[in-house]
Amino acid sequence: MDIAVRDRFTGLWEKYFPGAELPLGIEFRATPPESRKKVPPPDGWRCLICQMGQARNGTPLVFDDASVTCRGGRMYTGFSNQRPPEFRHFLSSGKPGVVEGERYKQTPEIVDAWGKSLTPLPTSRKSLVVTRWDQLGADDNPEVVVFFARPEVMSGLFTLANYDRGDPCGVICPMGAGCSSAVYYPWLEQQNEDPRVVLGMFDPSARKCVQQDILTMAFPMKKFTKVIGFMEESFLITPTWETVKKKIERSTEQYNHK
């Protein structure tokens, strides 16, 4: 990680998004850094987004094969490409006496069709490293930068994501688990020449892991580097954004006093 880039964005973030939460840098590594906290196997099921809360609060994390027990989370992080038995019923209306359905899809057949659109992640990666932006070091190489943000901040991020595009679709919002929008889809976009940004955290099962007014916006690092380069020529320097900045400041103050 270029420390100058890290520090430049940190300064710009505080200038244009005062008090807003810094993003997380996410990367896959074959050999995890010893300085990061290894996430132990949870006692039973636990959502990856819930576990990421520690990193949001300033504790860099390393996830390995044993750290992620949610089967969806394992699939969306590449620790496993095997869907659990009866997954097509689990995601839809269930199967009496076998599995209760989440009812996120109307029928098992729709689940099958949706599943065919998913690209398996390579399973050769041994660890997933999650680090808050200001704690990234020279040895880090984030592939995805994910923001947990409120509406006014999301407004700025969304507009930055579309600033240098001639089409209106610089941000995509694919259906999936919370970890799919924070890790899986933005990582896949990072592999493209012209990656898009991913809006997410609409998964009802993951909503218990974030505050009531928080969504995610995940930037592939290729795109994020470009964004840092044009922030100070964009709408962020206009009177329009000054109005939004004041709302961000008020929102932050209200949130910190809850």
C-alpha atoms as a PDB file:
ATOM      1  CA  MET A   1       0.000   0.000   0.000  1.00  0.00           C
ATOM      2  CA  ASP A   2       1.299   3.427  -0.936  1.00  0.00           C
ATOM      3  CA  ILE A   3       1.230   5.242   2.414  1.00  0.00           C
ATOM      4  CA  ALA A   4       1.063   8.605   0.644  1.00  0.00           C
ATOM      5  CA  VAL A   5      -2.167   7.481  -1.064  1.00  0.00           C
ATOM      6  CA  ARG A   6      -3.546   6.236   2.245  1.00  0.00           C
ATOM      7  CA  ASP A   7      -2.824   9.524   3.985  1.00  0.00           C
ATOM      8  CA  ARG A   8      -4.021  11.630   1.075  1.00  0.00           C
ATOM      9  CA  PHE A   9      -7.428   9.960   1.092  1.00  0.00           C
ATOM     10  CA  THR A  10      -7.671  10.155   4.881  1.00  0.00           C
ATOM     11  CA  GLY A  11      -7.174  13.926   4.669  1.00  0.00           C
ATOM     12  CA  LEU A  12      -9.653  14.339   1.829  1.00  0.00           C
ATOM     13  CA  TRP A  13     -12.206  12.193   3.649  1.00  0.00           C
ATOM     14  CA  GLU A  14     -12.041  14.331   6.762  1.00  0.00           C
ATOM     15  CA  LYS A  15     -12.254  17.482   4.637  1.00  0.00           C
ATOM     16  CA  TYR A  16     -15.289  16.503   2.579  1.00  0.00           C
ATOM     17  CA  PHE A  17     -16.966  13.906   4.819  1.00  0.00           C
ATOM     18  CA  PRO A  18     -16.183  15.285   8.291  1.00  0.00           C
ATOM     19  CA  GLY A  19     -16.572  12.762  11.072  1.00  0.00           C
ATOM     20  CA  ALA A  20     -17.799   9.974   8.796  1.00  0.00           C
ATOM     21  CA  GLU A  21     -16.544   6.430   9.349  1.00  0.00           C
ATOM     22  CA  LEU A  22     -13.436   5.426   7.430  1.00  0.00           C
ATOM     23  CA  PRO A  23     -13.740   2.423   5.105  1.00  0.00           C
ATOM     24  CA  LEU A  24     -12.246  -1.039   5.415  1.00  0.00           C
ATOM     25  CA  GLY A  25      -9.563  -2.398   3.129  1.00  0.00           C
ATOM     26  CA  ILE A  26     -10.147  -6.033   2.166  1.00  0.00           C
ATOM     27  CA  GLU A  27      -7.674  -8.400   0.564  1.00  0.00           C
ATOM     28  CA  PHE A  28      -6.939 -12.088   0.157  1.00  0.00           C
ATOM     29  CA  ARG A  29      -3.493 -13.351   1.158  1.00  0.00           C
ATOM     30  CA  ALA A  30      -1.767 -16.699   1.003  1.00  0.00           C
ATOM     31  CA  THR A  31       0.263 -15.787   4.101  1.00  0.00           C
ATOM     32  CA  PRO A  32      -1.568 -13.587   6.625  1.00  0.00           C
ATOM     33  CA  PRO A  33       0.295 -10.864   8.532  1.00  0.00           C
ATOM     34  CA  GLU A  34       1.245 -11.926  12.047  1.00  0.00           C
ATOM     35  CA  SER A  35       0.348  -8.492  13.429  1.00  0.00           C
ATOM     36  CA  ARG A  36      -3.374  -8.947  12.751  1.00  0.00           C
ATOM     37  CA  LYS A  37      -5.860 -10.642  15.030  1.00  0.00           C
ATOM     38  CA  LYS A  38      -6.830 -14.070  13.785  1.00  0.00           C
ATOM     39  CA  VAL A  39     -10.574 -14.544  14.145  1.00  0.00           C
ATOM     40  CA  PRO A  40     -11.210 -17.750  16.106  1.00  0.00           C
ATOM     41  CA  PRO A  41     -13.937 -20.177  15.081  1.00  0.00           C
ATOM     42  CA  PRO A  42     -17.221 -18.789  16.422  1.00  0.00           C
ATOM     43  CA  ASP A  43     -19.395 -20.832  18.743  1.00  0.00           C
ATOM     44  CA  GLY A  44     -21.915 -21.913  16.132  1.00  0.00           C
ATOM     45  CA  TRP A  45     -23.161 -19.771  13.277  1.00  0.00           C
ATOM     46  CA  ARG A  46     -22.077 -16.150  13.008  1.00  0.00           C
ATOM     47  CA  CYS A  47     -22.424 -13.659  10.172  1.00  0.00           C
ATOM     48  CA  LEU A  48     -19.192 -12.406   8.608  1.00  0.00           C
ATOM     49  CA  ILE A  49     -20.588  -8.864   8.637  1.00  0.00           C
ATOM     50  CA  CYS A  50     -21.047  -9.101  12.422  1.00  0.00           C
ATOM     51  CA  GLN A  51     -17.446 -10.214  12.774  1.00  0.00           C
ATOM     52  CA  MET A  52     -16.250  -7.284  10.637  1.00  0.00           C
ATOM     53  CA  GLY A  53     -17.560  -4.918  13.298  1.00  0.00           C
ATOM     54  CA  GLN A  54     -14.278  -5.375  15.173  1.00  0.00           C
ATOM     55  CA  ALA A  55     -12.327  -4.087  12.176  1.00  0.00           C
ATOM     56  CA  ARG A  56     -14.678  -1.117  11.858  1.00  0.00           C
ATOM     57  CA  ASN A  57     -13.825  -0.310  15.477  1.00  0.00           C
ATOM     58  CA  GLY A  58     -10.089  -0.485  14.894  1.00  0.00           C
ATOM     59  CA  THR A  59      -9.019  -4.124  15.301  1.00  0.00           C
ATOM     60  CA  PRO A  60      -7.526  -5.469  12.041  1.00  0.00           C
ATOM     61  CA  LEU A  61      -8.661  -9.033  11.393  1.00  0.00           C
ATOM     62  CA  VAL A  62      -7.557 -12.181   9.598  1.00  0.00           C
ATOM     63  CA  PHE A  63     -10.168 -14.764   8.619  1.00  0.00           C
ATOM     64  CA  ASP A  64      -9.124 -18.272   7.660  1.00  0.00           C
ATOM     65  CA  ASP A  65     -11.062 -21.372   6.721  1.00  0.00           C
ATOM     66  CA  ALA A  66     -12.067 -22.013  10.335  1.00  0.00           C
ATOM     67  CA  SER A  67     -13.124 -18.421  11.062  1.00  0.00           C
ATOM     68  CA  VAL A  68     -16.135 -18.396   8.744  1.00  0.00           C
ATOM     69  CA  THR A  69     -18.888 -20.868   9.615  1.00  0.00           C
ATOM     70  CA  CYS A  70     -21.827 -19.346   7.748  1.00  0.00           C
ATOM     71  CA  ARG A  71     -22.184 -21.437   4.602  1.00  0.00           C
ATOM     72  CA  GLY A  72     -23.130 -18.444   2.513  1.00  0.00           C
ATOM     73  CA  GLY A  73     -20.186 -16.538   3.931  1.00  0.00           C
ATOM     74  CA  ARG A  74     -17.851 -19.402   3.059  1.00  0.00           C
ATOM     75  CA  MET A  75     -19.119 -19.406  -0.510  1.00  0.00           C
ATOM     76  CA  TYR A  76     -18.870 -15.623  -0.903  1.00  0.00           C
ATOM     77  CA  THR A  77     -15.309 -15.539   0.445  1.00  0.00           C
ATOM     78  CA  GLY A  78     -14.021 -18.505  -1.525  1.00  0.00           C
ATOM     79  CA  PHE A  79     -13.380 -20.774   1.453  1.00  0.00           C
ATOM     80  CA  SER A  80     -15.851 -23.214  -0.074  1.00  0.00           C
ATOM     81  CA  ASN A  81     -17.653 -23.491  -3.395  1.00  0.00           C
ATOM     82  CA  GLN A  82     -19.995 -26.189  -2.149  1.00  0.00           C
ATOM     83  CA  ARG A  83     -23.573 -25.141  -1.492  1.00  0.00           C
ATOM     84  CA  PRO A  84     -25.157 -26.840   1.503  1.00  0.00           C
ATOM     85  CA  PRO A  85     -27.703 -29.628   1.016  1.00  0.00           C
ATOM     86  CA  GLU A  86     -31.217 -28.338   0.428  1.00  0.00           C
ATOM     87  CA  PHE A  87     -29.872 -24.835  -0.308  1.00  0.00           C
ATOM     88  CA  ARG A  88     -32.485 -24.341  -3.024  1.00  0.00           C
ATOM     89  CA  HIS A  89     -35.204 -24.952  -0.444  1.00  0.00           C
ATOM     90  CA  PHE A  90     -33.455 -22.987   2.309  1.00  0.00           C
ATOM     91  CA  LEU A  91     -33.312 -19.813   0.200  1.00  0.00           C
ATOM     92  CA  SER A  92     -36.906 -20.198  -0.961  1.00  0.00           C
ATOM     93  CA  SER A  93     -39.973 -21.616   0.769  1.00  0.00           C
ATOM     94  CA  GLY A  94     -38.344 -24.417   2.737  1.00  0.00           C
ATOM     95  CA  LYS A  95     -38.983 -28.140   2.835  1.00  0.00           C
ATOM     96  CA  PRO A  96     -41.336 -29.486   5.533  1.00  0.00           C
ATOM     97  CA  GLY A  97     -39.525 -31.534   8.120  1.00  0.00           C
ATOM     98  CA  VAL A  98     -36.142 -30.847   6.522  1.00  0.00           C
ATOM     99  CA  VAL A  99     -35.324 -27.128   6.401  1.00  0.00           C
ATOM    100  CA  GLU A 100     -37.089 -23.855   7.117  1.00  0.00           C
ATOM    101  CA  GLY A 101     -37.013 -21.454   4.191  1.00  0.00           C
ATOM    102  CA  GLU A 102     -35.726 -17.872   4.345  1.00  0.00           C
ATOM    103  CA  ARG A 103     -38.187 -17.008   1.543  1.00  0.00           C
ATOM    104  CA  TYR A 104     -35.759 -14.730  -0.262  1.00  0.00           C
ATOM    105  CA  LYS A 105     -36.653 -16.414  -3.562  1.00  0.00           C
ATOM    106  CA  GLN A 106     -40.113 -17.498  -4.678  1.00  0.00           C
ATOM    107  CA  THR A 107     -39.309 -21.051  -5.736  1.00  0.00           C
ATOM    108  CA  PRO A 108     -36.413 -23.542  -5.623  1.00  0.00           C
ATOM    109  CA  GLU A 109     -36.249 -23.333  -9.426  1.00  0.00           C
ATOM    110  CA  ILE A 110     -35.569 -19.595  -9.222  1.00  0.00           C
ATOM    111  CA  VAL A 111     -32.798 -20.328  -6.724  1.00  0.00           C
ATOM    112  CA  ASP A 112     -31.308 -22.783  -9.228  1.00  0.00           C
ATOM    113  CA  ALA A 113     -31.386 -20.197 -12.007  1.00  0.00           C
ATOM    114  CA  TRP A 114     -29.870 -17.540  -9.763  1.00  0.00           C
ATOM    115  CA  GLY A 115     -27.140 -19.914  -8.624  1.00  0.00           C
ATOM    116  CA  LYS A 116     -26.023 -20.512 -12.195  1.00  0.00           C
ATOM    117  CA  SER A 117     -25.136 -16.814 -12.461  1.00  0.00           C
ATOM    118  CA  LEU A 118     -22.617 -17.020  -9.593  1.00  0.00           C
ATOM    119  CA  THR A 119     -18.933 -17.231 -10.458  1.00  0.00           C
ATOM    120  CA  PRO A 120     -17.013 -19.384  -7.943  1.00  0.00           C
ATOM    121  CA  LEU A 121     -14.159 -17.596  -6.224  1.00  0.00           C
ATOM    122  CA  PRO A 122     -10.757 -19.275  -6.362  1.00  0.00           C
ATOM    123  CA  THR A 123     -10.313 -21.379  -3.228  1.00  0.00           C
ATOM    124  CA  SER A 124      -6.506 -21.279  -3.208  1.00  0.00           C
ATOM    125  CA  ARG A 125      -6.444 -18.122  -1.094  1.00  0.00           C
ATOM    126  CA  LYS A 126      -5.719 -18.975   2.515  1.00  0.00           C
ATOM    127  CA  SER A 127      -6.875 -15.893   4.410  1.00  0.00           C
ATOM    128  CA  LEU A 128      -9.062 -12.818   4.199  1.00  0.00           C
ATOM    129  CA  VAL A 129      -7.538  -9.699   5.752  1.00  0.00           C
ATOM    130  CA  VAL A 130      -9.805  -6.835   6.859  1.00  0.00           C
ATOM    131  CA  THR A 131      -8.193  -3.571   7.981  1.00  0.00           C
ATOM    132  CA  ARG A 132      -9.563  -0.108   8.594  1.00  0.00           C
ATOM    133  CA  TRP A 133      -8.190   2.373   6.075  1.00  0.00           C
ATOM    134  CA  ASP A 134      -6.107   4.430   8.518  1.00  0.00           C
ATOM    135  CA  GLN A 135      -4.422   1.250   9.797  1.00  0.00           C
ATOM    136  CA  LEU A 136      -3.249  -0.034   6.431  1.00  0.00           C
ATOM    137  CA  GLY A 137       0.513  -0.491   6.191  1.00  0.00           C
ATOM    138  CA  ALA A 138       3.089  -0.651   3.432  1.00  0.00           C
ATOM    139  CA  ASP A 139       2.709  -4.434   3.193  1.00  0.00           C
ATOM    140  CA  ASP A 140      -1.052  -4.258   2.658  1.00  0.00           C
ATOM    141  CA  ASN A 141      -2.553  -4.467  -0.815  1.00  0.00           C
ATOM    142  CA  PRO A 142      -6.329  -3.943  -0.545  1.00  0.00           C
ATOM    143  CA  GLU A 143      -8.366  -5.258  -3.435  1.00  0.00           C
ATOM    144  CA  VAL A 144     -11.680  -3.847  -2.183  1.00  0.00           C
ATOM    145  CA  VAL A 145     -12.486  -0.737  -0.141  1.00  0.00           C
ATOM    146  CA  VAL A 146     -15.866  -0.974   1.588  1.00  0.00           C
ATOM    147  CA  PHE A 147     -17.706   1.868   3.292  1.00  0.00           C
ATOM    148  CA  PHE A 148     -20.367   1.430   5.967  1.00  0.00           C
ATOM    149  CA  ALA A 149     -22.227   4.671   5.528  1.00  0.00           C
ATOM    150  CA  ARG A 150     -25.356   6.728   6.124  1.00  0.00           C
ATOM    151  CA  PRO A 151     -27.468   8.434   3.396  1.00  0.00           C
ATOM    152  CA  GLU A 152     -25.611  11.750   2.988  1.00  0.00           C
ATOM    153  CA  VAL A 153     -22.259   9.977   2.804  1.00  0.00           C
ATOM    154  CA  MET A 154     -23.702   7.434   0.391  1.00  0.00           C
ATOM    155  CA  SER A 155     -24.856  10.320  -1.794  1.00  0.00           C
ATOM    156  CA  GLY A 156     -21.280  11.499  -2.176  1.00  0.00           C
ATOM    157  CA  LEU A 157     -19.860   8.031  -2.732  1.00  0.00           C
ATOM    158  CA  PHE A 158     -22.503   7.198  -5.328  1.00  0.00           C
ATOM    159  CA  THR A 159     -21.846  10.396  -7.253  1.00  0.00           C
ATOM    160  CA  LEU A 160     -18.078   9.868  -7.138  1.00  0.00           C
ATOM    161  CA  ALA A 161     -18.575   6.332  -8.461  1.00  0.00           C
ATOM    162  CA  ASN A 162     -20.338   7.744 -11.524  1.00  0.00           C
ATOM    163  CA  TYR A 163     -18.254  10.908 -11.972  1.00  0.00           C
ATOM    164  CA  ASP A 164     -15.956   9.610 -14.724  1.00  0.00           C
ATOM    165  CA  ARG A 165     -18.455   7.404 -16.577  1.00  0.00           C
ATOM    166  CA  GLY A 166     -20.481   8.172 -19.690  1.00  0.00           C
ATOM    167  CA  ASP A 167     -23.144   5.633 -18.753  1.00  0.00           C
ATOM    168  CA  PRO A 168     -25.442   5.828 -15.687  1.00  0.00           C
ATOM    169  CA  CYS A 169     -24.479   2.454 -14.244  1.00  0.00           C
ATOM    170  CA  GLY A 170     -21.263   2.990 -12.317  1.00  0.00           C
ATOM    171  CA  VAL A 171     -22.921   1.391  -9.293  1.00  0.00           C
ATOM    172  CA  ILE A 172     -24.545  -2.026  -9.309  1.00  0.00           C
ATOM    173  CA  CYS A 173     -26.743  -3.626  -6.669  1.00  0.00           C
ATOM    174  CA  PRO A 174     -26.767  -7.416  -7.165  1.00  0.00           C
ATOM    175  CA  MET A 175     -28.880  -9.599  -4.924  1.00  0.00           C
ATOM    176  CA  GLY A 176     -26.988 -11.617  -2.339  1.00  0.00           C
ATOM    177  CA  ALA A 177     -25.904 -11.906   1.274  1.00  0.00           C
ATOM    178  CA  GLY A 178     -24.345  -8.950   3.061  1.00  0.00           C
ATOM    179  CA  CYS A 179     -20.877 -10.401   2.552  1.00  0.00           C
ATOM    180  CA  SER A 180     -21.514 -10.799  -1.168  1.00  0.00           C
ATOM    181  CA  SER A 181     -21.885  -7.030  -1.562  1.00  0.00           C
ATOM    182  CA  ALA A 182     -18.886  -6.275   0.666  1.00  0.00           C
ATOM    183  CA  VAL A 183     -16.467  -8.941  -0.614  1.00  0.00           C
ATOM    184  CA  TYR A 184     -17.643 -11.204  -3.429  1.00  0.00           C
ATOM    185  CA  TYR A 185     -19.088  -8.865  -6.065  1.00  0.00           C
ATOM    186  CA  PRO A 186     -16.576  -6.020  -5.645  1.00  0.00           C
ATOM    187  CA  TRP A 187     -13.699  -8.547  -5.764  1.00  0.00           C
ATOM    188  CA  LEU A 188     -15.065  -9.914  -9.028  1.00  0.00           C
ATOM    189  CA  GLU A 189     -15.380  -6.360 -10.362  1.00  0.00           C
ATOM    190  CA  GLN A 190     -11.746  -5.724  -9.412  1.00  0.00           C
ATOM    191  CA  GLN A 191     -10.770  -8.349 -11.979  1.00  0.00           C
ATOM    192  CA  ASN A 192     -12.366  -6.268 -14.768  1.00  0.00           C
ATOM    193  CA  GLU A 193     -10.688  -3.511 -16.758  1.00  0.00           C
ATOM    194  CA  ASP A 194     -13.456  -1.012 -15.937  1.00  0.00           C
ATOM    195  CA  PRO A 195     -14.851  -2.136 -12.570  1.00  0.00           C
ATOM    196  CA  ARG A 196     -18.120  -0.939 -11.103  1.00  0.00           C
ATOM    197  CA  VAL A 197     -18.913  -0.094  -7.496  1.00  0.00           C
ATOM    198  CA  VAL A 198     -21.259  -2.290  -5.449  1.00  0.00           C
ATOM    199  CA  LEU A 199     -24.093  -0.994  -3.277  1.00  0.00           C
ATOM    200  CA  GLY A 200     -25.282  -3.400  -0.621  1.00  0.00           C
ATOM    201  CA  MET A 201     -26.337  -4.494   2.845  1.00  0.00           C
ATOM    202  CA  PHE A 202     -29.942  -5.153   1.877  1.00  0.00           C
ATOM    203  CA  ASP A 203     -29.780  -8.744   3.123  1.00  0.00           C
ATOM    204  CA  PRO A 204     -32.366  -9.014   5.943  1.00  0.00           C
ATOM    205  CA  SER A 205     -30.284 -11.712   7.637  1.00  0.00           C
ATOM    206  CA  ALA A 206     -27.270  -9.380   7.925  1.00  0.00           C
ATOM    207  CA  ARG A 207     -29.180  -6.265   8.976  1.00  0.00           C
ATOM    208  CA  LYS A 208     -28.830  -7.201  12.664  1.00  0.00           C
ATOM    209  CA  CYS A 209     -25.073  -6.697  12.272  1.00  0.00           C
ATOM    210  CA  VAL A 210     -25.222  -3.009  11.296  1.00  0.00           C
ATOM    211  CA  GLN A 211     -26.882   0.129  12.589  1.00  0.00           C
ATOM    212  CA  GLN A 212     -30.396   0.847  11.410  1.00  0.00           C
ATOM    213  CA  ASP A 213     -29.447   3.489   8.840  1.00  0.00           C
ATOM    214  CA  ILE A 214     -26.236   1.958   7.441  1.00  0.00           C
ATOM    215  CA  LEU A 215     -25.655   0.531   3.968  1.00  0.00           C
ATOM    216  CA  THR A 216     -22.415  -0.448   2.248  1.00  0.00           C
ATOM    217  CA  MET A 217     -20.668   0.886  -0.829  1.00  0.00           C
ATOM    218  CA  ALA A 218     -17.732  -1.261  -1.954  1.00  0.00           C
ATOM    219  CA  PHE A 219     -15.133   0.069  -4.401  1.00  0.00           C
ATOM    220  CA  PRO A 220     -12.783  -2.200  -6.321  1.00  0.00           C
ATOM    221  CA  MET A 221      -9.321  -0.790  -5.641  1.00  0.00           C
ATOM    222  CA  LYS A 222      -8.738   0.027  -9.323  1.00  0.00           C
ATOM    223  CA  LYS A 223     -11.752   2.313  -9.217  1.00  0.00           C
ATOM    224  CA  PHE A 224     -10.996   3.715  -5.791  1.00  0.00           C
ATOM    225  CA  THR A 225      -7.540   4.879  -6.847  1.00  0.00           C
ATOM    226  CA  LYS A 226      -9.153   6.872  -9.663  1.00  0.00           C
ATOM    227  CA  VAL A 227     -11.701   8.362  -7.273  1.00  0.00           C
ATOM    228  CA  ILE A 228      -8.982   9.672  -4.959  1.00  0.00           C
ATOM    229  CA  GLY A 229      -7.391  11.360  -7.963  1.00  0.00           C
ATOM    230  CA  PHE A 230     -10.445  13.387  -8.965  1.00  0.00           C
ATOM    231  CA  MET A 231     -12.118  14.185  -5.639  1.00  0.00           C
ATOM    232  CA  GLU A 232     -10.831  17.761  -5.571  1.00  0.00           C
ATOM    233  CA  GLU A 233     -12.081  18.610  -9.048  1.00  0.00           C
ATOM    234  CA  SER A 234     -15.524  17.086  -8.490  1.00  0.00           C
ATOM    235  CA  PHE A 235     -18.807  18.311  -6.997  1.00  0.00           C
ATOM    236  CA  LEU A 236     -17.154  18.036  -3.576  1.00  0.00           C
ATOM    237  CA  ILE A 237     -15.696  21.541  -4.027  1.00  0.00           C
ATOM    238  CA  THR A 238     -19.082  23.148  -4.829  1.00  0.00           C
ATOM    239  CA  PRO A 239     -21.540  25.043  -2.591  1.00  0.00           C
ATOM    240  CA  THR A 240     -23.994  22.193  -3.134  1.00  0.00           C
ATOM    241  CA  TRP A 241     -21.721  19.804  -1.294  1.00  0.00           C
ATOM    242  CA  GLU A 242     -21.075  22.336   1.467  1.00  0.00           C
ATOM    243  CA  THR A 243     -24.758  21.993   2.331  1.00  0.00           C
ATOM    244  CA  VAL A 244     -24.479  18.223   2.421  1.00  0.00           C
ATOM    245  CA  LYS A 245     -21.292  18.445   4.519  1.00  0.00           C
ATOM    246  CA  LYS A 246     -23.198  20.327   7.197  1.00  0.00           C
ATOM    247  CA  LYS A 247     -25.783  17.553   7.260  1.00  0.00           C
ATOM    248  CA  ILE A 248     -22.982  14.973   7.594  1.00  0.00           C
ATOM    249  CA  GLU A 249     -21.535  16.900  10.529  1.00  0.00           C
ATOM    250  CA  ARG A 250     -24.923  17.167  12.237  1.00  0.00           C
ATOM    251  CA  SER A 251     -25.645  13.518  11.572  1.00  0.00           C
ATOM    252  CA  THR A 252     -22.294  12.482  13.032  1.00  0.00           C
ATOM    253  CA  GLU A 253     -22.865  14.557  16.151  1.00  0.00           C
ATOM    254  CA  GLN A 254     -26.327  13.075  16.648  1.00  0.00           C
ATOM    255  CA  TYR A 255     -25.030   9.555  16.109  1.00  0.00           C
ATOM    256  CA  ASN A 256     -22.130   9.980  18.565  1.00  0.00           C
ATOM    257  CA  HIS A 257     -24.512  11.172  21.261  1.00  0.00           C
ATOM    258  CA  LYS A 258     -26.872   8.187  20.964  1.00  0.00           C
END
